[in-house]
Protein backbone atom coordinates (compact mmCIF):
# COMPACT_ATOMS: atom_id res chain seq x y z
CA MET A 1 322.32 114.70 343.11
CA SER A 2 322.88 118.38 343.77
CA SER A 3 320.64 121.09 342.39
CA PRO A 4 323.21 122.48 339.87
CA GLU A 5 323.96 118.94 338.59
CA PHE A 6 320.25 118.21 338.15
CA THR A 7 319.68 121.53 336.35
CA ASP A 8 322.59 120.81 334.02
CA LEU A 9 321.29 117.29 333.29
CA LEU A 10 317.80 118.64 332.73
CA LEU A 11 318.92 121.33 330.28
CA HIS A 12 321.00 118.87 328.23
CA GLN A 13 318.23 116.26 328.09
CA SER A 14 315.15 118.44 327.58
CA ASP A 15 315.38 119.24 323.85
CA PHE A 16 313.54 116.04 322.93
CA LEU A 17 310.46 117.35 324.79
CA LYS A 18 309.69 120.14 322.29
CA PRO A 19 308.65 117.85 319.40
CA PHE A 20 306.69 115.66 321.81
CA ALA A 21 304.82 118.70 323.11
CA ILE A 22 303.89 119.70 319.55
CA VAL A 23 302.66 116.17 318.85
CA LEU A 24 300.47 116.28 321.96
CA THR A 25 299.03 119.78 321.60
CA ARG A 26 299.13 120.27 317.81
CA ASP A 27 299.71 123.96 318.48
CA SER A 28 303.09 125.67 318.77
CA GLU A 29 301.96 128.17 321.43
CA SER A 30 300.36 125.48 323.60
CA ALA A 31 303.40 123.26 323.03
CA ARG A 32 305.69 126.02 324.32
CA ASP A 33 303.53 126.44 327.42
CA LEU A 34 303.48 122.68 328.02
CA TYR A 35 307.27 122.47 327.59
CA GLN A 36 307.85 125.32 330.05
CA GLU A 37 305.49 123.87 332.61
CA THR A 38 307.17 120.47 332.30
CA ILE A 39 310.59 121.98 332.96
CA TYR A 40 309.16 123.99 335.87
CA ARG A 41 307.55 120.89 337.42
CA ALA A 42 310.77 118.89 336.97
CA LEU A 43 312.74 121.58 338.77
CA LEU A 44 310.09 121.88 341.46
CA HIS A 45 310.11 118.13 342.13
CA GLN A 46 313.77 117.36 341.53
CA GLU A 47 314.00 115.54 344.85
CA LYS A 48 311.69 112.86 343.43
CA TYR A 49 314.12 112.08 340.61
CA LEU A 50 316.29 109.10 341.49
CA ASP A 51 319.89 109.38 340.33
CA GLY A 52 320.66 106.89 337.58
CA THR A 53 317.10 106.50 336.30
CA ASN A 54 316.11 107.45 332.78
CA ILE A 55 315.52 111.22 332.90
CA ARG A 56 313.87 111.20 329.47
CA ALA A 57 311.20 108.76 330.62
CA TRP A 58 310.70 110.80 333.79
CA LEU A 59 310.25 114.03 331.80
CA PHE A 60 307.98 112.29 329.26
CA THR A 61 305.78 111.12 332.13
CA ILE A 62 305.58 114.60 333.62
CA MET A 63 304.67 116.13 330.25
CA ARG A 64 302.09 113.47 329.44
CA ASN A 65 300.43 113.82 332.84
CA LEU A 66 300.35 117.62 332.55
CA PHE A 67 298.78 117.36 329.11
CA ILE A 68 296.14 114.89 330.31
CA ASN A 69 295.28 117.07 333.31
CA HIS A 70 294.94 120.18 331.11
CA TYR A 71 292.80 118.25 328.64
CA ARG A 72 290.47 117.01 331.37
CA ARG A 73 290.21 120.46 332.92
CA LYS A 74 289.39 122.00 329.55
CA ALA A 75 286.75 119.33 328.87
CA LYS A 76 285.10 120.01 332.25
CA GLN A 77 285.13 123.76 331.62
CA GLN A 78 283.57 123.26 328.19
CA LEU A 79 280.90 120.99 329.69
CA PHE A 80 280.16 123.65 332.31
CA ARG A 81 280.00 126.40 329.64
CA ASP A 82 277.64 124.28 327.54
CA GLN A 83 275.40 123.68 330.55
CA VAL A 84 275.32 127.38 331.45
CA ALA A 85 274.56 128.33 327.85
CA ARG A 86 271.77 125.75 327.72
CA ASP A 87 270.30 127.05 330.99
CA LEU A 88 270.46 130.65 329.80
CA SER A 89 268.83 129.82 326.48
CA LEU A 90 265.97 128.09 328.30
CA LYS A 91 265.39 131.15 330.48
CA GLN A 92 265.27 133.57 327.56
CA GLN A 93 262.04 134.01 325.69
CA PRO A 94 262.38 133.25 321.99
CA TYR A 95 259.80 135.91 321.15
CA VAL A 96 258.61 139.29 322.27
CA ASN A 97 255.18 139.57 323.84
CA ASN A 98 252.66 141.68 322.01
CA GLU A 99 250.80 143.47 324.79
CA ALA A 100 247.85 144.45 322.61
CA GLU A 101 247.33 140.90 321.36
CA SER A 102 247.65 139.36 324.83
CA SER A 103 245.20 141.84 326.35
CA LEU A 104 242.68 141.03 323.58
CA ARG A 105 243.19 137.34 324.27
CA ILE A 106 242.58 137.85 327.99
CA LYS A 107 239.39 139.77 327.21
CA ASP A 108 238.23 136.85 325.05
CA ILE A 109 238.93 134.42 327.89
CA HIS A 110 237.05 136.54 330.44
CA HIS A 111 234.12 136.91 328.05
CA ALA A 112 234.05 133.12 327.53
CA ILE A 113 234.12 132.53 331.30
CA TYR A 114 231.14 134.79 331.88
CA ARG A 115 229.18 133.02 329.14
CA LEU A 116 229.45 129.73 331.03
CA PRO A 117 226.29 128.43 332.72
CA VAL A 118 226.14 129.48 336.40
CA LEU A 119 226.36 125.82 337.44
CA PHE A 120 229.91 125.66 335.99
CA LYS A 121 230.94 129.31 336.24
CA ARG A 122 230.87 129.64 340.06
CA PRO A 123 233.14 126.65 340.83
CA PHE A 124 235.46 127.54 337.96
CA LEU A 125 235.84 131.18 339.08
CA LEU A 126 236.61 130.08 342.64
CA TYR A 127 239.19 127.61 341.31
CA TYR A 128 240.59 130.34 339.06
CA GLU A 129 240.95 132.64 342.09
CA GLY A 130 243.12 130.00 343.79
CA PHE A 131 240.77 128.08 346.04
CA LYS A 132 241.38 124.35 346.52
CA TYR A 133 238.77 121.77 345.55
CA TYR A 134 237.80 121.04 349.16
CA GLU A 135 237.46 124.78 349.89
CA ILE A 136 235.17 125.25 346.90
CA ALA A 137 233.13 122.26 348.01
CA ASP A 138 232.70 123.83 351.45
CA ILE A 139 231.75 127.25 350.04
CA LEU A 140 229.18 125.85 347.58
CA GLN A 141 227.96 123.08 349.91
CA GLU A 142 228.54 120.42 347.21
CA PRO A 143 230.49 117.14 347.22
CA MET A 144 234.11 117.48 346.13
CA GLY A 145 233.62 115.02 343.23
CA THR A 146 230.85 117.22 341.84
CA ILE A 147 233.06 120.30 342.09
CA LYS A 148 235.89 118.53 340.26
CA SER A 149 233.62 117.39 337.43
CA ARG A 150 232.05 120.86 337.06
CA ILE A 151 235.46 122.50 336.84
CA HIS A 152 236.51 119.87 334.31
CA PHE A 153 233.44 120.50 332.15
CA ALA A 154 233.93 124.26 332.48
CA ARG A 155 237.48 123.89 331.14
CA LYS A 156 236.21 121.80 328.23
CA MET A 157 233.55 124.39 327.34
CA LEU A 158 236.08 127.23 327.58
CA LYS A 159 238.49 125.39 325.35
CA GLN A 160 235.78 124.88 322.73
CA GLN A 161 234.67 128.53 322.90
CA ILE A 162 238.18 129.95 322.67
CA THR A 163 239.47 127.70 319.88
CA SER A 164 236.42 128.18 317.68
């Protein structure tokens, strides 16, 4: 079939697509876009149309496939937007820091640390400065298990002092 014959057949048989596009999209603007894209794709791929086959079924298939592809693409984009929004909301702080209150809190923590018995304070301060358990054990010449338990008890005492 020649290109002018196919175009003529397409134009005479395409009116039934408009109501189908509205049924699919439920929006007149989207239906118009879907209709135009269907006609464009049919013209673009006219060599795939076999002469004598049902052109309505062929056009319905093109429109349906276009609609499904657009729907899937939109669903993926929405999923991506939701994920980005979720990630951004996790990164944002839901409150504003009060510098005066946090500096008072830090002073309370430091005061509580220095009120610890020396037996617990030294290992805890070394741990607080970033030393590993085995490094603290080497510095204080104590077994690592002892260092771990002293740091644990220091944390417990600090927690009690700060919460009370």
